[in-house]
Amino acid sequence: MNIRNTIFSNESHEMISAFNKAQETFKYFWRELSWEYRRIIPAFDLAYVKCAFIQEHSNSSDSPLIEYMWISQIDFDGTTISGQLMNQPNYIDNVQAGEIIEQPFEVIVDWMFLTQDQVYGGFTIQEYRKQLNDSERKEYDASWGINFGDPNNILFVYDQEEHPENLIEHPMCEKMLDSFL
């Protein structure tokens, strides 16, 4: 089974683009989170990764069930993402909320972190929000307790708009370089 083809099978072109953008930019999320784990005083209010969870039908030739859910307490070893499942599944029954899970990188469909009231990532969220009118967007944001901002302006790294060079190197890394020289 090709995992990506399975995940993409019932999705719109726009959502597939959001999934792909999340995977292409995951390196920024992981870099930011790696530095966050080194901080004495945490700066992130949240850091989540959304994965596609797939469950084959036990006695059927139907397409597998797919459910997209968020995980927290993220770890990544270069090929496998792990963390604690935040959502209670609605369709599948092979995982439960609170479980520590491990998934291959290929099933990552989104990531986001929040710091200083600014959201970074959230590609599938923003794609969904594009379909909403202003009132519905406000209601959606209120349900999360987060202002997701402009759905057409997704940031990848902290302070990116004022310091685009942060896309190249993390500021904490630059500050530490002098101690190694």
Protein backbone atom coordinates (compact mmCIF):
# COMPACT_ATOMS: atom_id res chain seq x y z
CA MET A 1 0.00 0.00 0.00
CA ASN A 2 1.32 3.43 -0.96
CA ILE A 3 0.60 5.52 2.13
CA ARG A 4 0.55 8.89 0.33
CA ASN A 5 -1.85 7.63 -2.38
CA THR A 6 -4.14 6.26 0.33
CA ILE A 7 -4.14 9.56 2.21
CA PHE A 8 -4.74 11.59 -0.96
CA SER A 9 -7.47 9.36 -2.39
CA ASN A 10 -10.50 11.37 -1.22
CA GLU A 11 -9.00 14.84 -0.77
CA SER A 12 -9.32 18.01 -2.81
CA HIS A 13 -6.41 19.34 -4.81
CA GLU A 14 -6.17 22.27 -2.37
CA MET A 15 -5.98 20.01 0.68
CA ILE A 16 -3.37 17.78 -0.99
CA SER A 17 -1.32 20.94 -1.61
CA ALA A 18 -1.66 21.82 2.09
CA PHE A 19 -0.49 18.30 3.07
CA ASN A 20 2.50 18.60 0.73
CA LYS A 21 3.43 22.08 1.99
CA ALA A 22 3.33 20.80 5.57
CA GLN A 23 5.76 18.01 4.72
CA GLU A 24 8.02 20.28 2.66
CA THR A 25 8.32 22.75 5.54
CA PHE A 26 8.40 20.27 8.43
CA LYS A 27 12.14 20.91 8.75
CA TYR A 28 11.33 24.41 10.03
CA PHE A 29 8.88 23.07 12.61
CA TRP A 30 11.37 20.49 13.83
CA ARG A 31 14.20 23.03 14.03
CA GLU A 32 12.03 25.45 16.01
CA LEU A 33 10.81 22.68 18.32
CA SER A 34 14.35 21.34 18.84
CA TRP A 35 15.46 24.75 20.05
CA GLU A 36 12.31 25.07 22.15
CA TYR A 37 13.25 21.85 23.97
CA ARG A 38 16.60 23.48 24.91
CA ARG A 39 15.04 26.57 26.47
CA ILE A 40 14.97 26.92 30.24
CA ILE A 41 11.75 28.91 30.00
CA PRO A 42 9.49 27.56 27.25
CA ALA A 43 8.32 30.07 24.63
CA PHE A 44 5.71 27.98 22.80
CA ASP A 45 2.10 27.87 23.91
CA LEU A 46 1.56 24.75 21.83
CA ALA A 47 3.29 22.57 19.26
CA TYR A 48 1.25 19.96 17.38
CA VAL A 49 1.59 17.68 14.39
CA LYS A 50 -1.42 16.32 12.48
CA CYS A 51 -1.10 12.80 11.09
CA ALA A 52 -3.27 10.58 8.95
CA PHE A 53 -4.21 7.46 10.90
CA ILE A 54 -5.10 4.56 8.65
CA GLN A 55 -7.09 1.47 9.56
CA GLU A 56 -7.61 -1.35 7.12
CA HIS A 57 -11.02 -3.02 7.11
CA SER A 58 -10.64 -6.45 8.69
CA ASN A 59 -12.90 -8.38 6.34
CA SER A 60 -13.62 -6.10 3.44
CA SER A 61 -12.07 -4.90 0.23
CA ASP A 62 -13.28 -1.35 0.91
CA SER A 63 -10.78 1.47 1.02
CA PRO A 64 -9.14 1.84 4.42
CA LEU A 65 -10.55 4.29 6.94
CA ILE A 66 -8.49 7.45 7.33
CA GLU A 67 -8.77 9.91 10.19
CA TYR A 68 -6.67 13.05 10.69
CA MET A 69 -5.71 13.77 14.28
CA TRP A 70 -3.25 15.92 16.21
CA ILE A 71 -0.40 14.73 18.42
CA SER A 72 1.53 16.68 21.04
CA GLN A 73 4.76 16.03 22.97
CA ILE A 74 6.46 15.57 19.62
CA ASP A 75 9.64 13.64 18.97
CA PHE A 76 11.15 12.94 15.57
CA ASP A 77 14.11 10.70 14.72
CA GLY A 78 14.37 11.58 11.02
CA THR A 79 11.94 8.92 9.80
CA THR A 80 9.38 8.40 12.58
CA ILE A 81 7.21 10.96 14.34
CA SER A 82 6.01 10.12 17.83
CA GLY A 83 3.89 11.82 20.43
CA GLN A 84 0.70 11.67 22.42
CA LEU A 85 -2.58 11.44 20.50
CA MET A 86 -4.73 14.42 21.45
CA ASN A 87 -8.02 13.49 19.74
CA GLN A 88 -10.51 10.77 20.41
CA PRO A 89 -11.07 9.04 17.05
CA ASN A 90 -14.52 9.21 15.48
CA TYR A 91 -14.07 6.57 12.78
CA ILE A 92 -11.15 4.30 13.56
CA ASP A 93 -10.68 2.14 16.63
CA ASN A 94 -7.02 1.12 16.45
CA VAL A 95 -5.82 4.13 18.54
CA GLN A 96 -7.22 6.10 21.47
CA ALA A 97 -6.76 9.65 22.80
CA GLY A 98 -3.84 9.85 25.21
CA GLU A 99 -1.95 6.97 23.58
CA ILE A 100 1.71 7.39 22.70
CA ILE A 101 1.92 6.73 18.99
CA GLU A 102 4.62 6.30 16.38
CA GLN A 103 3.97 7.02 12.72
CA PRO A 104 6.14 7.20 9.59
CA PHE A 105 7.02 10.68 8.31
CA GLU A 106 4.84 10.10 5.22
CA VAL A 107 1.60 10.38 7.24
CA ILE A 108 2.30 13.92 8.47
CA VAL A 109 -0.30 16.23 6.95
CA ASP A 110 0.16 19.38 9.06
CA TRP A 111 2.10 20.99 11.88
CA MET A 112 1.76 24.16 13.88
CA PHE A 113 3.13 25.98 16.84
CA LEU A 114 1.92 29.05 18.68
CA THR A 115 4.08 31.61 20.41
CA GLN A 116 3.32 35.19 21.41
CA ASP A 117 -0.17 34.92 19.89
CA GLN A 118 1.27 34.11 16.46
CA VAL A 119 0.50 30.83 14.69
CA TYR A 120 3.14 29.17 12.53
CA GLY A 121 2.18 26.39 10.12
CA GLY A 122 -1.41 25.20 10.26
CA PHE A 123 -1.67 24.50 6.53
CA THR A 124 -4.82 22.34 6.67
CA ILE A 125 -6.42 24.73 9.14
CA GLN A 126 -5.80 27.68 6.86
CA GLU A 127 -7.04 25.77 3.82
CA TYR A 128 -10.25 24.99 5.71
CA ARG A 129 -10.55 28.61 6.90
CA LYS A 130 -10.33 29.84 3.28
CA GLN A 131 -13.71 28.20 2.68
CA LEU A 132 -15.34 30.15 5.55
CA ASN A 133 -16.80 33.63 5.52
CA ASP A 134 -15.52 36.23 8.04
CA SER A 135 -18.14 35.37 10.65
CA GLU A 136 -17.51 31.63 10.37
CA ARG A 137 -13.74 32.22 10.61
CA LYS A 138 -14.18 34.19 13.83
CA GLU A 139 -16.34 31.40 15.24
CA TYR A 140 -13.80 28.76 14.18
CA ASP A 141 -10.92 30.70 15.72
CA ALA A 142 -12.91 31.19 18.93
CA SER A 143 -13.51 27.43 19.16
CA TRP A 144 -9.71 26.96 19.23
CA GLY A 145 -9.12 30.06 21.36
CA ILE A 146 -6.57 31.17 18.75
CA ASN A 147 -6.55 33.95 16.16
CA PHE A 148 -5.22 32.11 13.11
CA GLY A 149 -4.83 35.35 11.14
CA ASP A 150 -4.78 35.63 7.38
CA PRO A 151 -5.32 32.19 5.79
CA ASN A 152 -3.20 33.29 2.81
CA ASN A 153 -0.13 34.16 4.91
CA ILE A 154 1.35 31.07 6.58
CA LEU A 155 4.56 31.61 8.50
CA PHE A 156 7.17 28.89 9.10
CA VAL A 157 9.59 30.29 11.69
CA TYR A 158 9.50 32.68 14.61
CA ASP A 159 9.78 36.37 13.69
CA GLN A 160 9.93 35.48 9.99
CA GLU A 161 8.31 38.67 8.73
CA GLU A 162 10.78 40.99 10.45
CA HIS A 163 13.77 38.66 10.12
CA PRO A 164 13.47 36.57 6.93
CA GLU A 165 17.03 35.37 7.54
CA ASN A 166 15.53 33.14 10.27
CA LEU A 167 14.47 30.87 7.42
CA ILE A 168 18.16 30.19 6.82
CA GLU A 169 19.47 29.84 10.36
CA HIS A 170 17.83 29.83 13.76
CA PRO A 171 18.83 32.87 15.88
CA MET A 172 19.76 30.68 18.87
CA CYS A 173 22.16 28.72 16.68
CA GLU A 174 23.84 31.90 15.49
CA LYS A 175 24.29 33.08 19.07
CA MET A 176 25.86 29.79 20.08
CA LEU A 177 28.37 29.73 17.21
CA ASP A 178 30.76 32.09 19.01
CA SER A 179 31.06 29.65 21.92
CA PHE A 180 32.28 26.96 19.52
CA LEU A 181 34.88 29.09 17.72
